[in-house]
Protein backbone atom coordinates (compact mmCIF):
# COMPACT_ATOMS: atom_id res chain seq x y z
CA MET A 1 7.44 95.72 0.34
CA LEU A 2 5.24 93.34 -1.66
CA ARG A 3 4.08 96.21 -3.87
CA MET A 4 7.69 97.17 -4.53
CA LYS A 5 8.54 93.61 -5.53
CA ILE A 6 5.56 93.43 -7.86
CA ARG A 7 6.40 96.84 -9.33
CA SER A 8 10.02 95.72 -9.81
CA ALA A 9 8.90 92.53 -11.53
CA ILE A 10 6.61 94.51 -13.84
CA THR A 11 9.44 96.92 -14.65
CA MET A 12 11.78 94.02 -15.49
CA ALA A 13 9.13 92.43 -17.70
CA VAL A 14 8.57 95.72 -19.57
CA LEU A 15 12.28 96.34 -20.04
CA PHE A 16 13.52 92.83 -20.81
CA GLY A 17 10.38 91.01 -21.99
CA PRO A 18 10.78 92.04 -25.65
CA LEU A 19 14.47 91.12 -25.57
CA LEU A 20 13.72 87.66 -24.17
CA LEU A 21 10.97 87.20 -26.75
CA MET A 22 13.32 88.18 -29.57
CA THR A 23 15.93 85.73 -28.26
CA SER A 24 13.32 82.96 -28.16
CA VAL A 25 12.15 83.78 -31.69
CA ASP A 26 15.73 83.82 -32.96
CA ALA A 27 16.43 80.45 -31.35
CA THR A 28 13.26 78.97 -32.87
CA ALA A 29 14.15 80.38 -36.28
CA GLY A 30 17.62 78.88 -35.97
CA ASP A 31 16.21 75.47 -35.05
CA ASN A 32 13.78 75.60 -37.98
CA LYS A 33 16.58 76.51 -40.38
CA ARG A 34 18.74 73.69 -39.07
CA ILE A 35 16.02 71.01 -39.32
CA SER A 36 15.11 72.25 -42.82
CA LYS A 37 18.73 71.84 -43.88
CA GLN A 38 18.87 68.33 -42.43
CA ILE A 39 15.63 67.38 -44.19
CA SER A 40 17.04 68.72 -47.47
CA ILE A 41 20.22 66.67 -47.07
CA MET A 42 18.21 63.53 -46.33
CA GLU A 43 16.07 64.14 -49.42
CA LYS A 44 19.22 64.18 -51.55
CA ILE A 45 20.51 60.95 -49.98
CA LEU A 46 17.22 59.13 -50.65
CA ASP A 47 17.14 60.61 -54.17
CA GLU A 48 20.61 59.30 -54.95
CA ALA A 49 19.84 55.86 -53.55
CA LEU A 50 16.70 55.54 -55.70
CA VAL A 51 18.33 56.92 -58.83
CA GLU A 52 21.26 54.51 -58.51
CA SER A 53 19.15 51.49 -57.52
CA ARG A 54 19.19 48.44 -59.80
CA PHE A 55 15.57 47.71 -58.90
CA ALA A 56 13.82 51.09 -58.43
CA LEU A 57 12.52 53.24 -61.27
CA VAL A 58 11.94 56.96 -60.74
CA ARG A 59 10.72 59.70 -63.06
CA SER A 60 13.20 62.38 -62.02
CA THR A 61 16.40 62.98 -60.11
CA HIS A 62 14.39 64.43 -57.20
CA PRO A 63 11.59 61.97 -56.34
CA THR A 64 11.81 62.53 -52.57
CA HIS A 65 10.14 65.29 -50.54
CA GLY A 66 10.42 65.61 -46.78
CA VAL A 67 8.95 67.49 -43.85
CA TYR A 68 9.59 67.54 -40.11
CA ILE A 69 6.49 67.20 -37.91
CA GLU A 70 7.02 68.35 -34.34
CA ASP A 71 6.56 65.52 -31.80
CA TYR A 72 6.28 62.95 -34.59
CA GLY A 73 9.48 63.21 -36.59
CA PRO A 74 10.74 63.44 -40.18
CA VAL A 75 8.44 62.17 -42.94
CA PHE A 76 9.56 61.56 -46.53
CA THR A 77 7.29 60.86 -49.47
CA LEU A 78 8.38 59.39 -52.78
CA GLU A 79 6.99 57.82 -55.93
CA VAL A 80 8.86 54.76 -57.20
CA GLY A 81 8.32 51.99 -59.69
CA LEU A 82 10.08 48.73 -60.51
CA VAL A 83 12.66 48.30 -63.25
CA ASP A 84 11.49 46.41 -66.33
CA SER A 85 13.77 43.43 -66.90
CA GLU A 86 13.80 44.28 -70.61
CA GLY A 87 14.39 47.97 -69.98
CA TRP A 88 16.99 50.06 -68.24
CA PHE A 89 19.88 48.15 -66.71
CA GLY A 90 20.94 50.60 -64.02
CA GLY A 91 17.81 50.89 -61.92
CA SER A 92 16.35 54.04 -63.43
CA ILE A 93 16.39 56.23 -66.53
CA TRP A 94 18.69 58.68 -64.76
CA SER A 95 21.22 56.11 -63.63
CA ASN A 96 21.93 55.24 -67.27
CA LEU A 97 23.74 58.53 -67.68
CA GLY A 98 26.87 56.71 -66.54
CA LYS A 99 26.92 58.16 -63.05
CA ASP A 100 27.61 56.49 -59.72
CA PHE A 101 27.70 58.04 -56.27
CA SER A 102 29.27 57.76 -52.86
CA ILE A 103 28.08 59.35 -49.63
CA ILE A 104 30.67 60.57 -47.13
CA THR A 105 29.61 61.48 -43.60
CA GLU A 106 31.81 63.85 -41.58
CA GLU A 107 31.48 66.33 -38.72
CA ASP A 108 32.40 69.99 -38.86
CA GLU A 109 33.97 72.08 -36.08
CA ASP A 110 30.59 72.54 -34.38
CA GLY A 111 29.88 68.82 -34.34
CA GLU A 112 27.29 69.14 -37.09
CA LYS A 113 26.92 66.27 -39.53
CA VAL A 114 28.16 67.11 -43.04
CA ILE A 115 27.10 64.90 -45.93
CA THR A 116 29.10 64.90 -49.18
CA ILE A 117 27.62 63.17 -52.22
CA ARG A 118 30.19 62.48 -54.93
CA SER A 119 29.51 61.27 -58.44
CA GLY A 120 31.79 59.11 -60.55
CA SER A 121 31.67 56.53 -63.30
CA LYS A 122 29.38 53.52 -62.95
CA LYS A 123 31.35 50.36 -62.15
CA GLY A 124 28.66 47.79 -61.51
CA LYS A 125 26.74 45.81 -64.08
CA LYS A 126 23.48 43.98 -63.93
CA ALA A 127 23.63 40.73 -62.00
CA ASP A 128 23.25 37.58 -64.07
CA ASN A 129 19.99 36.65 -62.34
CA GLU A 130 18.56 40.17 -62.42
CA ASP A 131 16.82 39.72 -65.79
CA VAL A 132 14.86 36.75 -64.46
CA MET A 133 13.89 38.40 -61.20
CA GLY A 134 10.15 38.84 -60.76
CA ASP A 135 8.44 42.06 -59.67
CA GLU A 136 7.74 40.68 -56.21
CA GLU A 137 11.45 40.11 -55.60
CA LYS A 138 12.38 43.51 -57.05
CA TYR A 139 9.83 45.13 -54.78
CA GLY A 140 11.47 43.40 -51.82
CA LYS A 141 14.86 44.70 -52.93
CA VAL A 142 13.55 48.27 -53.12
CA LYS A 143 12.19 47.98 -49.58
CA ASP A 144 15.54 46.65 -48.38
CA GLU A 145 17.39 49.53 -50.04
CA ILE A 146 15.15 52.14 -48.42
CA ILE A 147 15.63 50.49 -45.02
CA GLU A 148 19.40 50.55 -45.53
CA VAL A 149 19.30 54.31 -46.21
CA MET A 150 17.15 54.87 -43.11
CA ARG A 151 19.57 52.80 -41.07
CA ASP A 152 22.84 54.24 -42.36
CA TYR A 153 21.89 57.91 -42.81
CA GLY A 154 18.77 58.49 -40.69
CA ASP A 155 20.85 60.19 -37.99
CA THR A 156 21.32 63.04 -40.48
CA ILE A 157 18.13 64.35 -38.86
CA ALA A 158 20.07 65.17 -35.70
CA LYS A 159 17.38 67.52 -34.33
CA ALA A 160 14.79 64.74 -34.12
CA LYS A 161 14.06 63.35 -30.65
CA PRO A 162 14.83 59.70 -29.73
CA ASN A 163 11.15 58.76 -29.43
CA GLU A 164 10.18 60.38 -32.75
CA TRP A 165 9.73 58.38 -35.94
CA PHE A 166 11.69 58.40 -39.18
CA THR A 167 9.02 57.63 -41.80
CA VAL A 168 9.13 56.92 -45.54
CA PHE A 169 5.80 56.90 -47.37
CA ALA A 170 6.03 55.48 -50.90
CA SER A 171 3.49 55.18 -53.69
CA PRO A 172 3.94 53.31 -57.01
CA LEU A 173 4.61 54.98 -60.35
CA HIS A 174 1.83 52.91 -61.84
CA THR A 175 -1.11 51.12 -60.22
CA SER A 176 0.76 48.85 -57.81
CA TRP A 177 3.91 46.88 -57.03
CA GLY A 178 4.46 43.15 -57.31
CA ASP A 179 2.04 40.25 -57.42
CA ASP A 180 0.17 41.27 -54.26
CA GLY A 181 -0.87 44.58 -55.80
CA TYR A 182 0.26 46.91 -53.02
CA HIS A 183 -0.67 50.56 -53.61
CA ARG A 184 1.02 52.12 -50.58
CA LEU A 185 4.13 51.39 -48.55
CA VAL A 186 4.97 52.92 -45.17
CA LEU A 187 8.32 52.24 -43.51
CA ARG A 188 9.01 53.77 -40.12
CA VAL A 189 11.43 53.35 -37.26
CA GLN A 190 12.10 55.35 -34.10
CA MET A 191 15.13 57.61 -34.10
CA LYS A 192 16.51 55.86 -31.01
CA GLU A 193 16.85 52.64 -33.05
CA ILE A 194 18.86 54.48 -35.71
CA SER A 195 21.12 55.84 -32.96
CA ALA A 196 21.44 52.34 -31.48
CA PHE A 197 22.65 50.98 -34.83
CA THR A 198 25.04 53.89 -35.35
CA SER A 199 26.57 53.29 -31.91
CA GLY A 200 26.93 49.55 -32.57
CA LYS A 201 24.21 48.44 -30.15
CA LEU A 202 22.06 46.98 -32.93
CA SER A 203 23.09 44.70 -35.78
CA GLU A 204 21.71 45.12 -39.30
CA ASP A 205 19.30 42.24 -38.78
CA LYS A 206 18.12 43.53 -35.40
CA PHE A 207 17.60 46.98 -36.86
CA ALA A 208 15.53 45.56 -39.72
CA GLN A 209 13.29 43.89 -37.15
CA LYS A 210 12.66 47.27 -35.49
CA VAL A 211 11.34 48.78 -38.73
CA GLN A 212 7.55 48.81 -38.91
CA ILE A 213 6.29 48.01 -42.42
CA THR A 214 2.72 48.73 -43.53
CA GLU A 215 1.56 47.70 -47.01
CA TYR A 216 -1.94 48.13 -48.35
């Protein structure tokens, strides 16, 4: 009887093993495609925020590059400088093309998050005190803007686990930012904190306190 059970199990493995393996591979491929799409969408959101910033200066319309690291979370790298008070008024070379943007978050029939980025005409102008703002203050504004994007749109990476980290690693266009001469900036927060803000369990201030900031 035992031999028959073993033989039956072997037969089932031979017949259905490849099918189960193919199903597993297909599921993994589907997950990889989905997370890649979410990373790509998040790259575009960060790109738009930097391009339209009044304080950040970027060299191109696509300064952000992202990757998903299993059991750690999404990581985005970018290179950003600070706007010269005597230079471009809109935050970057590219934002002076007269464009503005809005980001609309919706869900499709499958419950997937759909992000729509719309361009329009620029409405805002430089604040009166912006031309006297020092680099240190501009650097602080850039950090705040990146944190806002993490907070408001970080749940775009829906496949990330609650205990994984949403990380932005930034380096300066030139040698450093601000008076303290920082050469690297790392902002990271756990995905569960982003979900807590989205669900109304965390205020903006409380969320900002959850973000870990490393400067060196």
